[in-house]
Protein backbone atom coordinates (compact mmCIF):
# COMPACT_ATOMS: atom_id res chain seq x y z
CA VAL A 1 -18.36 5.46 -7.19
CA GLN A 2 -18.26 5.23 -10.98
CA LEU A 3 -16.34 2.50 -12.76
CA GLN A 4 -15.05 2.50 -16.31
CA ALA A 5 -13.91 -0.80 -17.77
CA SER A 6 -12.09 -1.31 -21.01
CA GLY A 7 -9.88 -3.75 -22.87
CA GLY A 8 -12.37 -6.32 -24.06
CA GLY A 9 -12.49 -7.53 -27.61
CA LEU A 10 -12.05 -10.48 -29.92
CA VAL A 11 -9.04 -12.71 -29.32
CA GLN A 12 -8.02 -16.10 -30.58
CA ALA A 13 -7.75 -19.04 -28.26
CA GLY A 14 -4.32 -19.13 -26.68
CA GLY A 15 -3.94 -15.37 -26.89
CA SER A 16 -3.84 -12.73 -24.19
CA LEU A 17 -5.96 -9.80 -23.17
CA ASN A 18 -5.61 -7.13 -20.50
CA LEU A 19 -8.68 -5.55 -18.97
CA THR A 20 -8.55 -2.22 -17.15
CA CYS A 21 -11.01 -0.71 -14.70
CA THR A 22 -10.71 2.75 -13.19
CA ALA A 23 -12.84 4.04 -10.35
CA SER A 24 -13.79 7.65 -9.74
CA GLY A 25 -15.94 9.53 -7.31
CA SER A 26 -16.04 8.46 -3.66
CA THR A 27 -13.00 6.22 -3.99
CA GLN A 28 -12.23 6.42 -0.28
CA ILE A 29 -14.86 3.73 0.32
CA ILE A 30 -13.00 1.17 -1.79
CA LYS A 31 -11.71 -1.78 0.25
CA GLY A 32 -11.23 -4.09 -2.69
CA MET A 33 -11.85 -4.48 -6.40
CA GLY A 34 -12.87 -7.53 -8.31
CA TRP A 35 -13.54 -8.83 -11.77
CA HIS A 36 -16.67 -10.83 -12.43
CA ARG A 37 -17.93 -12.37 -15.65
CA GLN A 38 -21.21 -13.49 -17.07
CA ALA A 39 -21.40 -15.85 -20.01
CA PRO A 40 -24.59 -16.16 -22.09
CA GLY A 41 -27.24 -18.08 -20.19
CA GLN A 42 -25.11 -18.34 -17.07
CA GLU A 43 -24.97 -16.58 -13.76
CA ARG A 44 -22.42 -13.92 -12.99
CA GLU A 45 -19.36 -15.30 -11.22
CA LEU A 46 -16.42 -13.78 -9.44
CA VAL A 47 -13.22 -14.34 -11.40
CA ALA A 48 -10.56 -12.57 -9.36
CA ALA A 49 -10.38 -9.97 -6.64
CA MET A 50 -7.79 -8.05 -4.70
CA HIS A 51 -8.26 -6.43 -1.31
CA ASN A 52 -6.48 -3.21 -0.38
CA SER A 53 -4.27 -5.37 1.84
CA GLY A 54 -2.99 -7.19 -1.21
CA ASP A 55 -4.85 -10.42 -0.52
CA THR A 56 -6.12 -11.98 -3.72
CA TYR A 57 -8.81 -14.44 -4.69
CA TYR A 58 -9.09 -16.43 -7.88
CA ARG A 59 -11.87 -18.69 -9.04
CA GLY A 60 -10.62 -22.24 -9.18
CA SER A 61 -7.91 -22.94 -11.71
CA LEU A 62 -8.15 -19.50 -13.32
CA LYS A 63 -5.20 -18.53 -11.17
CA ARG A 64 -2.95 -20.35 -13.60
CA ARG A 65 -4.04 -18.12 -16.50
CA PHE A 66 -5.42 -14.90 -15.01
CA THR A 67 -3.68 -12.32 -12.82
CA ILE A 68 -5.25 -9.37 -11.07
CA PHE A 69 -3.24 -6.24 -10.42
CA ARG A 70 -4.21 -3.03 -8.71
CA ASP A 71 -2.79 0.45 -8.64
CA ILE A 72 -4.44 1.69 -5.47
CA ALA A 73 -3.23 5.25 -5.90
CA LYS A 74 -4.87 5.38 -9.33
CA HIS A 75 -7.96 3.47 -8.17
CA THR A 76 -7.40 1.07 -11.04
CA ALA A 77 -7.62 -2.70 -11.34
CA TYR A 78 -6.26 -4.80 -14.16
CA LEU A 79 -6.98 -8.34 -15.22
CA GLN A 80 -4.28 -9.99 -17.27
CA MET A 81 -5.76 -12.93 -19.14
CA ASN A 82 -3.33 -15.37 -20.70
CA ASN A 83 -3.88 -18.51 -22.76
CA VAL A 84 -7.55 -17.65 -23.11
CA ARG A 85 -10.08 -20.31 -24.05
CA PRO A 86 -13.47 -20.16 -25.80
CA GLU A 87 -15.12 -20.81 -22.44
CA ASP A 88 -13.68 -17.52 -21.20
CA THR A 89 -16.10 -15.74 -23.55
CA ALA A 90 -18.27 -13.49 -21.39
CA VAL A 91 -19.03 -9.95 -20.40
CA TYR A 92 -16.48 -8.98 -17.79
CA TYR A 93 -17.51 -6.58 -15.06
CA CYS A 94 -15.38 -4.82 -12.53
CA ALA A 95 -16.82 -4.00 -9.15
CA VAL A 96 -15.83 -2.24 -5.98
CA GLN A 97 -16.01 -3.87 -2.58
CA ASN A 98 -17.05 -1.70 0.33
CA MET A 99 -16.16 -2.01 4.01
CA TYR A 100 -18.91 -4.59 4.53
CA GLY A 101 -17.49 -6.85 1.88
CA TYR A 102 -20.24 -6.26 -0.63
CA TYR A 103 -19.71 -5.50 -4.28
CA LYS A 104 -21.97 -2.50 -4.34
CA TYR A 105 -20.66 -0.54 -7.32
CA TRP A 106 -20.37 -2.03 -10.80
CA GLY A 107 -18.92 -0.99 -14.11
CA GLN A 108 -20.76 -1.30 -17.41
CA GLY A 109 -19.00 -4.46 -18.51
CA THR A 110 -16.65 -5.19 -21.34
CA LEU A 111 -17.20 -8.06 -23.76
CA VAL A 112 -14.48 -10.65 -24.25
CA THR A 113 -14.95 -13.05 -27.13
CA VAL A 114 -12.51 -15.91 -27.61
CA SER A 115 -12.56 -17.64 -30.97
CA SER A 116 -11.43 -21.21 -31.40
């Protein structure tokens, strides 16, 4: 599975950004897709995920500002980020979850920079 993420960039605090990730290749193995992020000097963390069943996960209070969408037919996941904050600055990675629940396939990452 290959993943192509896009939509990152520079945004002012309080603004919005929409990330897109499209999978190709052996997409039949996809059971879920998730967005992770890694800020400088920090570990990668799961931000939001959506299973094929529609079940979603959000990290803590991010649910109030971030929304994950998926178009399963197009093998695409979106992350709508609203009211962004400087602490949201990170490289955002999309990843595919296989039948065992592991995020085995990763995209190249897209940088989101939030200015104060």
